[in-house]
All heavy atoms as atom14 arrays in JSON, in Angstrom:
{
  "sequence": "IKRVGIVNAMDDENFAAAVKATGRKKFIIAGVTTMC",
  "atom14_mask": [
    [1, 1, 1, 1, 1, 1, 1, 1, 0, 0, 0, 0, 0, 0],
    [1, 1, 1, 1, 1, 1, 1, 1, 1, 0, 0, 0, 0, 0],
    [1, 1, 1, 1, 1, 1, 1, 1, 1, 1, 1, 0, 0, 0],
    [1, 1, 1, 1, 1, 1, 1, 0, 0, 0, 0, 0, 0, 0],
    [1, 1, 1, 1, 0, 0, 0, 0, 0, 0, 0, 0, 0, 0],
    [1, 1, 1, 1, 1, 1, 1, 1, 0, 0, 0, 0, 0, 0],
    [1, 1, 1, 1, 1, 1, 1, 0, 0, 0, 0, 0, 0, 0],
    [1, 1, 1, 1, 1, 1, 1, 1, 0, 0, 0, 0, 0, 0],
    [1, 1, 1, 1, 1, 0, 0, 0, 0, 0, 0, 0, 0, 0],
    [1, 1, 1, 1, 1, 1, 1, 1, 0, 0, 0, 0, 0, 0],
    [1, 1, 1, 1, 1, 1, 1, 1, 0, 0, 0, 0, 0, 0],
    [1, 1, 1, 1, 1, 1, 1, 1, 0, 0, 0, 0, 0, 0],
    [1, 1, 1, 1, 1, 1, 1, 1, 1, 0, 0, 0, 0, 0],
    [1, 1, 1, 1, 1, 1, 1, 1, 0, 0, 0, 0, 0, 0],
    [1, 1, 1, 1, 1, 1, 1, 1, 1, 1, 1, 0, 0, 0],
    [1, 1, 1, 1, 1, 0, 0, 0, 0, 0, 0, 0, 0, 0],
    [1, 1, 1, 1, 1, 0, 0, 0, 0, 0, 0, 0, 0, 0],
    [1, 1, 1, 1, 1, 0, 0, 0, 0, 0, 0, 0, 0, 0],
    [1, 1, 1, 1, 1, 1, 1, 0, 0, 0, 0, 0, 0, 0],
    [1, 1, 1, 1, 1, 1, 1, 1, 1, 0, 0, 0, 0, 0],
    [1, 1, 1, 1, 1, 0, 0, 0, 0, 0, 0, 0, 0, 0],
    [1, 1, 1, 1, 1, 1, 1, 0, 0, 0, 0, 0, 0, 0],
    [1, 1, 1, 1, 0, 0, 0, 0, 0, 0, 0, 0, 0, 0],
    [1, 1, 1, 1, 1, 1, 1, 1, 1, 1, 1, 0, 0, 0],
    [1, 1, 1, 1, 1, 1, 1, 1, 1, 0, 0, 0, 0, 0],
    [1, 1, 1, 1, 1, 1, 1, 1, 1, 0, 0, 0, 0, 0],
    [1, 1, 1, 1, 1, 1, 1, 1, 1, 1, 1, 0, 0, 0],
    [1, 1, 1, 1, 1, 1, 1, 1, 0, 0, 0, 0, 0, 0],
    [1, 1, 1, 1, 1, 1, 1, 1, 0, 0, 0, 0, 0, 0],
    [1, 1, 1, 1, 1, 0, 0, 0, 0, 0, 0, 0, 0, 0],
    [1, 1, 1, 1, 0, 0, 0, 0, 0, 0, 0, 0, 0, 0],
    [1, 1, 1, 1, 1, 1, 1, 0, 0, 0, 0, 0, 0, 0],
    [1, 1, 1, 1, 1, 1, 1, 0, 0, 0, 0, 0, 0, 0],
    [1, 1, 1, 1, 1, 1, 1, 0, 0, 0, 0, 0, 0, 0],
    [1, 1, 1, 1, 1, 1, 1, 1, 0, 0, 0, 0, 0, 0],
    [1, 1, 1, 1, 1, 1, 0, 0, 0, 0, 0, 0, 0, 0]
  ],
  "atom14_positions": [
    [[0.87, -1.18, 0.0], [0.0, 0.0, 0.0], [0.9, 1.22, 0.0], [1.6, 1.49, 0.97], [-0.91, 0.01, 1.23], [-1.76, -1.26, 1.27], [-1.79, 1.25, 1.24], [-2.45, -1.48, 2.59], [0.0, 0.0, 0.0], [0.0, 0.0, 0.0], [0.0, 0.0, 0.0], [0.0, 0.0, 0.0], [0.0, 0.0, 0.0], [0.0, 0.0, 0.0]],
    [[0.91, 1.91, -1.1], [1.77, 3.1, -1.23], [1.05, 4.29, -0.59], [-0.1, 4.55, -0.88], [2.07, 3.36, -2.69], [2.8, 2.2, -3.34], [2.75, 2.3, -4.85], [3.16, 1.03, -5.51], [2.15, -0.02, -5.48], [0.0, 0.0, 0.0], [0.0, 0.0, 0.0], [0.0, 0.0, 0.0], [0.0, 0.0, 0.0], [0.0, 0.0, 0.0]],
    [[1.73, 4.96, 0.29], [1.12, 6.11, 0.94], [2.13, 7.23, 1.07], [3.33, 7.01, 1.03], [0.52, 5.75, 2.3], [1.5, 5.2, 3.28], [0.77, 4.71, 4.54], [1.7, 4.6, 5.64], [1.95, 5.54, 6.52], [1.33, 6.7, 6.45], [2.82, 5.37, 7.48], [0.0, 0.0, 0.0], [0.0, 0.0, 0.0], [0.0, 0.0, 0.0]],
    [[1.61, 8.42, 1.23], [2.47, 9.59, 1.36], [2.95, 9.71, 2.8], [2.55, 8.95, 3.67], [1.72, 10.87, 0.93], [1.37, 10.8, -0.55], [0.47, 11.08, 1.74], [0.0, 0.0, 0.0], [0.0, 0.0, 0.0], [0.0, 0.0, 0.0], [0.0, 0.0, 0.0], [0.0, 0.0, 0.0], [0.0, 0.0, 0.0], [0.0, 0.0, 0.0]],
    [[3.77, 10.67, 3.09], [4.4, 10.8, 4.4], [3.49, 11.32, 5.5], [3.75, 12.34, 6.1], [0.0, 0.0, 0.0], [0.0, 0.0, 0.0], [0.0, 0.0, 0.0], [0.0, 0.0, 0.0], [0.0, 0.0, 0.0], [0.0, 0.0, 0.0], [0.0, 0.0, 0.0], [0.0, 0.0, 0.0], [0.0, 0.0, 0.0], [0.0, 0.0, 0.0]],
    [[2.41, 10.62, 5.76], [1.5, 10.98, 6.84], [1.88, 10.14, 8.06], [2.03, 8.93, 7.94], [0.04, 10.72, 6.43], [-0.34, 11.57, 5.22], [-0.91, 10.98, 7.59], [-1.69, 11.25, 4.63], [0.0, 0.0, 0.0], [0.0, 0.0, 0.0], [0.0, 0.0, 0.0], [0.0, 0.0, 0.0], [0.0, 0.0, 0.0], [0.0, 0.0, 0.0]],
    [[2.0, 10.76, 9.21], [2.41, 10.04, 10.41], [1.36, 9.0, 10.8], [1.68, 7.84, 11.03], [2.67, 11.02, 11.58], [2.95, 10.25, 12.85], [3.82, 11.94, 11.24], [0.0, 0.0, 0.0], [0.0, 0.0, 0.0], [0.0, 0.0, 0.0], [0.0, 0.0, 0.0], [0.0, 0.0, 0.0], [0.0, 0.0, 0.0], [0.0, 0.0, 0.0]],
    [[0.1, 9.38, 10.87], [-0.97, 8.45, 11.22], [-1.45, 7.78, 9.93], [-2.11, 8.4, 9.1], [-2.11, 9.19, 11.9], [-3.21, 8.26, 12.36], [-3.27, 7.1, 11.97], [-4.09, 8.77, 13.19], [0.0, 0.0, 0.0], [0.0, 0.0, 0.0], [0.0, 0.0, 0.0], [0.0, 0.0, 0.0], [0.0, 0.0, 0.0], [0.0, 0.0, 0.0]],
    [[-1.14, 6.51, 9.77], [-1.47, 5.79, 8.55], [-2.97, 5.81, 8.25], [-3.37, 5.85, 7.08], [-0.98, 4.35, 8.63], [0.0, 0.0, 0.0], [0.0, 0.0, 0.0], [0.0, 0.0, 0.0], [0.0, 0.0, 0.0], [0.0, 0.0, 0.0], [0.0, 0.0, 0.0], [0.0, 0.0, 0.0], [0.0, 0.0, 0.0], [0.0, 0.0, 0.0]],
    [[-3.79, 5.8, 9.29], [-5.24, 5.79, 9.07], [-5.76, 7.12, 8.53], [-6.89, 7.19, 8.06], [-5.98, 5.41, 10.35], [-5.72, 3.97, 10.78], [-6.07, 2.73, 9.52], [-7.85, 2.72, 9.54], [0.0, 0.0, 0.0], [0.0, 0.0, 0.0], [0.0, 0.0, 0.0], [0.0, 0.0, 0.0], [0.0, 0.0, 0.0], [0.0, 0.0, 0.0]],
    [[-4.95, 8.16, 8.55], [-5.32, 9.43, 7.94], [-5.13, 9.4, 6.42], [-5.62, 10.28, 5.72], [-4.51, 10.59, 8.52], [-4.95, 10.95, 9.94], [-6.06, 10.56, 10.34], [-4.17, 11.62, 10.64], [0.0, 0.0, 0.0], [0.0, 0.0, 0.0], [0.0, 0.0, 0.0], [0.0, 0.0, 0.0], [0.0, 0.0, 0.0], [0.0, 0.0, 0.0]],
    [[-4.42, 8.4, 5.94], [-4.22, 8.23, 4.49], [-5.42, 7.46, 3.94], [-5.68, 6.32, 4.34], [-2.92, 7.47, 4.24], [-2.6, 7.35, 2.77], [-3.4, 6.73, 2.02], [-1.55, 7.85, 2.34], [0.0, 0.0, 0.0], [0.0, 0.0, 0.0], [0.0, 0.0, 0.0], [0.0, 0.0, 0.0], [0.0, 0.0, 0.0], [0.0, 0.0, 0.0]],
    [[-6.16, 8.06, 3.03], [-7.39, 7.45, 2.51], [-7.14, 6.08, 1.87], [-7.93, 5.16, 2.06], [-8.06, 8.38, 1.51], [-8.6, 9.66, 2.12], [-9.18, 10.6, 1.09], [-9.3, 10.22, -0.09], [-9.53, 11.73, 1.48], [0.0, 0.0, 0.0], [0.0, 0.0, 0.0], [0.0, 0.0, 0.0], [0.0, 0.0, 0.0], [0.0, 0.0, 0.0]],
    [[-6.06, 5.94, 1.12], [-5.77, 4.66, 0.45], [-5.48, 3.57, 1.47], [-5.95, 2.44, 1.35], [-4.57, 4.79, -0.49], [-4.88, 5.69, -1.66], [-6.0, 5.74, -2.14], [-3.89, 6.43, -2.11], [0.0, 0.0, 0.0], [0.0, 0.0, 0.0], [0.0, 0.0, 0.0], [0.0, 0.0, 0.0], [0.0, 0.0, 0.0], [0.0, 0.0, 0.0]],
    [[-4.7, 3.89, 2.49], [-4.36, 2.91, 3.52], [-5.6, 2.51, 4.31], [-5.87, 1.33, 4.52], [-3.29, 3.47, 4.45], [-2.83, 2.48, 5.47], [-1.82, 1.59, 5.18], [-3.4, 2.45, 6.73], [-1.41, 0.65, 6.11], [-2.99, 1.53, 7.67], [-1.99, 0.63, 7.36], [0.0, 0.0, 0.0], [0.0, 0.0, 0.0], [0.0, 0.0, 0.0]],
    [[-6.37, 3.52, 4.74], [-7.59, 3.24, 5.52], [-8.56, 2.37, 4.72], [-9.15, 1.43, 5.27], [-8.25, 4.54, 5.94], [0.0, 0.0, 0.0], [0.0, 0.0, 0.0], [0.0, 0.0, 0.0], [0.0, 0.0, 0.0], [0.0, 0.0, 0.0], [0.0, 0.0, 0.0], [0.0, 0.0, 0.0], [0.0, 0.0, 0.0], [0.0, 0.0, 0.0]],
    [[-8.71, 2.64, 3.44], [-9.6, 1.84, 2.6], [-9.1, 0.4, 2.47], [-9.89, -0.54, 2.5], [-9.74, 2.48, 1.22], [0.0, 0.0, 0.0], [0.0, 0.0, 0.0], [0.0, 0.0, 0.0], [0.0, 0.0, 0.0], [0.0, 0.0, 0.0], [0.0, 0.0, 0.0], [0.0, 0.0, 0.0], [0.0, 0.0, 0.0], [0.0, 0.0, 0.0]],
    [[-7.79, 0.24, 2.33], [-7.21, -1.11, 2.22], [-7.41, -1.9, 3.5], [-7.72, -3.09, 3.47], [-5.73, -1.02, 1.86], [0.0, 0.0, 0.0], [0.0, 0.0, 0.0], [0.0, 0.0, 0.0], [0.0, 0.0, 0.0], [0.0, 0.0, 0.0], [0.0, 0.0, 0.0], [0.0, 0.0, 0.0], [0.0, 0.0, 0.0], [0.0, 0.0, 0.0]],
    [[-7.25, -1.24, 4.64], [-7.46, -1.91, 5.93], [-8.93, -2.3, 6.08], [-9.25, -3.43, 6.45], [-7.01, -1.0, 7.1], [-7.46, -1.59, 8.44], [-5.5, -0.83, 7.08], [0.0, 0.0, 0.0], [0.0, 0.0, 0.0], [0.0, 0.0, 0.0], [0.0, 0.0, 0.0], [0.0, 0.0, 0.0], [0.0, 0.0, 0.0], [0.0, 0.0, 0.0]],
    [[-9.83, -1.39, 5.78], [-11.26, -1.67, 5.89], [-11.7, -2.77, 4.93], [-12.59, -3.56, 5.25], [-12.07, -0.4, 5.66], [-11.91, 0.59, 6.81], [-12.61, 1.9, 6.54], [-12.28, 2.89, 7.66], [-12.75, 4.24, 7.35], [0.0, 0.0, 0.0], [0.0, 0.0, 0.0], [0.0, 0.0, 0.0], [0.0, 0.0, 0.0], [0.0, 0.0, 0.0]],
    [[-11.06, -2.85, 3.77], [-11.4, -3.86, 2.77], [-11.06, -5.27, 3.22], [-11.62, -6.24, 2.7], [-10.7, -3.55, 1.45], [0.0, 0.0, 0.0], [0.0, 0.0, 0.0], [0.0, 0.0, 0.0], [0.0, 0.0, 0.0], [0.0, 0.0, 0.0], [0.0, 0.0, 0.0], [0.0, 0.0, 0.0], [0.0, 0.0, 0.0], [0.0, 0.0, 0.0]],
    [[-10.19, -5.41, 4.21], [-9.86, -6.75, 4.71], [-11.03, -7.35, 5.47], [-11.13, -8.57, 5.59], [-8.63, -6.73, 5.64], [-8.95, -6.02, 6.84], [-7.42, -6.13, 4.96], [0.0, 0.0, 0.0], [0.0, 0.0, 0.0], [0.0, 0.0, 0.0], [0.0, 0.0, 0.0], [0.0, 0.0, 0.0], [0.0, 0.0, 0.0], [0.0, 0.0, 0.0]],
    [[-11.92, -6.5, 6.01], [-13.06, -6.97, 6.76], [-12.73, -7.45, 8.17], [-13.58, -7.97, 8.87], [0.0, 0.0, 0.0], [0.0, 0.0, 0.0], [0.0, 0.0, 0.0], [0.0, 0.0, 0.0], [0.0, 0.0, 0.0], [0.0, 0.0, 0.0], [0.0, 0.0, 0.0], [0.0, 0.0, 0.0], [0.0, 0.0, 0.0], [0.0, 0.0, 0.0]],
    [[-11.49, -7.27, 8.58], [-11.08, -7.72, 9.91], [-11.47, -6.71, 10.97], [-11.45, -5.51, 10.74], [-9.58, -7.94, 9.95], [-9.13, -9.05, 9.04], [-7.62, -9.16, 9.06], [-7.19, -10.2, 8.18], [-6.45, -11.23, 8.58], [-6.05, -11.31, 9.82], [-6.1, -12.15, 7.72], [0.0, 0.0, 0.0], [0.0, 0.0, 0.0], [0.0, 0.0, 0.0]],
    [[-11.76, -7.22, 12.16], [-12.06, -6.34, 13.29], [-10.81, -6.02, 14.07], [-10.72, -5.0, 14.74], [-13.1, -6.97, 14.2], [-14.46, -7.07, 13.54], [-15.5, -7.61, 14.49], [-16.85, -7.67, 13.78], [-17.9, -8.09, 14.67], [0.0, 0.0, 0.0], [0.0, 0.0, 0.0], [0.0, 0.0, 0.0], [0.0, 0.0, 0.0], [0.0, 0.0, 0.0]],
    [[-9.84, -6.92, 14.03], [-8.56, -6.71, 14.71], [-7.46, -6.73, 13.67], [-7.46, -7.58, 12.77], [-8.31, -7.8, 15.75], [-9.31, -7.79, 16.88], [-9.0, -8.84, 17.91], [-10.0, -8.81, 19.04], [-9.69, -9.83, 20.04], [0.0, 0.0, 0.0], [0.0, 0.0, 0.0], [0.0, 0.0, 0.0], [0.0, 0.0, 0.0], [0.0, 0.0, 0.0]],
    [[-6.55, -5.81, 13.8], [-5.5, -5.66, 12.78], [-4.21, -5.25, 13.48], [-4.21, -4.32, 14.3], [-5.93, -4.56, 11.79], [-5.36, -4.72, 10.42], [-5.95, -5.55, 9.5], [-4.23, -4.02, 10.05], [-5.45, -5.7, 8.24], [-3.71, -4.15, 8.78], [-4.32, -5.0, 7.87], [0.0, 0.0, 0.0], [0.0, 0.0, 0.0], [0.0, 0.0, 0.0]],
    [[-3.14, -5.94, 13.22], [-1.84, -5.61, 13.81], [-1.02, -4.87, 12.76], [-0.84, -5.36, 11.65], [-1.1, -6.87, 14.28], [-1.9, -7.56, 15.38], [0.29, -6.5, 14.78], [-1.34, -8.89, 15.8], [0.0, 0.0, 0.0], [0.0, 0.0, 0.0], [0.0, 0.0, 0.0], [0.0, 0.0, 0.0], [0.0, 0.0, 0.0], [0.0, 0.0, 0.0]],
    [[-0.53, -3.71, 13.14], [0.29, -2.91, 12.24], [1.63, -2.65, 12.92], [1.67, -2.26, 14.09], [-0.39, -1.57, 11.9], [-1.74, -1.81, 11.22], [0.51, -0.72, 11.01], [-2.54, -0.56, 10.97], [0.0, 0.0, 0.0], [0.0, 0.0, 0.0], [0.0, 0.0, 0.0], [0.0, 0.0, 0.0], [0.0, 0.0, 0.0], [0.0, 0.0, 0.0]],
    [[2.68, -2.87, 12.19], [4.02, -2.59, 12.72], [4.71, -1.65, 11.74], [4.39, -1.61, 10.56], [4.82, -3.87, 12.86], [0.0, 0.0, 0.0], [0.0, 0.0, 0.0], [0.0, 0.0, 0.0], [0.0, 0.0, 0.0], [0.0, 0.0, 0.0], [0.0, 0.0, 0.0], [0.0, 0.0, 0.0], [0.0, 0.0, 0.0], [0.0, 0.0, 0.0]],
    [[5.65, -0.9, 12.24], [6.34, 0.03, 11.36], [7.66, 0.46, 11.93], [8.02, 0.15, 13.05], [0.0, 0.0, 0.0], [0.0, 0.0, 0.0], [0.0, 0.0, 0.0], [0.0, 0.0, 0.0], [0.0, 0.0, 0.0], [0.0, 0.0, 0.0], [0.0, 0.0, 0.0], [0.0, 0.0, 0.0], [0.0, 0.0, 0.0], [0.0, 0.0, 0.0]],
    [[8.36, 1.16, 11.12], [9.67, 1.69, 11.49], [9.61, 3.2, 11.29], [9.08, 3.68, 10.31], [10.78, 1.09, 10.61], [12.11, 1.71, 10.94], [10.84, -0.41, 10.77], [0.0, 0.0, 0.0], [0.0, 0.0, 0.0], [0.0, 0.0, 0.0], [0.0, 0.0, 0.0], [0.0, 0.0, 0.0], [0.0, 0.0, 0.0], [0.0, 0.0, 0.0]],
    [[10.14, 3.89, 12.23], [10.21, 5.34, 12.09], [11.67, 5.77, 12.08], [12.5, 5.14, 12.71], [9.44, 6.05, 13.21], [9.47, 7.45, 12.97], [10.03, 5.78, 14.56], [0.0, 0.0, 0.0], [0.0, 0.0, 0.0], [0.0, 0.0, 0.0], [0.0, 0.0, 0.0], [0.0, 0.0, 0.0], [0.0, 0.0, 0.0], [0.0, 0.0, 0.0]],
    [[11.93, 6.77, 11.33], [13.29, 7.33, 11.32], [13.19, 8.78, 11.74], [12.33, 9.51, 11.28], [13.93, 7.23, 9.92], [13.1, 7.89, 8.99], [14.11, 5.79, 9.5], [0.0, 0.0, 0.0], [0.0, 0.0, 0.0], [0.0, 0.0, 0.0], [0.0, 0.0, 0.0], [0.0, 0.0, 0.0], [0.0, 0.0, 0.0], [0.0, 0.0, 0.0]],
    [[14.04, 9.14, 12.63], [14.03, 10.51, 13.1], [15.49, 10.96, 13.21], [16.35, 10.21, 13.65], [13.35, 10.6, 14.46], [13.32, 12.0, 15.01], [12.46, 12.03, 16.58], [10.92, 12.72, 16.02], [0.0, 0.0, 0.0], [0.0, 0.0, 0.0], [0.0, 0.0, 0.0], [0.0, 0.0, 0.0], [0.0, 0.0, 0.0], [0.0, 0.0, 0.0]],
    [[15.72, 12.13, 12.8], [17.08, 12.66, 12.83], [17.08, 13.9, 13.71], [16.31, 14.81, 13.49], [17.54, 12.99, 11.41], [19.21, 13.63, 11.36], [0.0, 0.0, 0.0], [0.0, 0.0, 0.0], [0.0, 0.0, 0.0], [0.0, 0.0, 0.0], [0.0, 0.0, 0.0], [0.0, 0.0, 0.0], [0.0, 0.0, 0.0], [0.0, 0.0, 0.0]]
  ]
}
């Protein structure tokens, strides 16, 4: 799921739609952040 640099992934319409399309009630999301 390609998304722009939004910190909260669920604020990205494409990501939120992909998550909702799974039909799951529970979803585990992991990520890496880089900060300088």
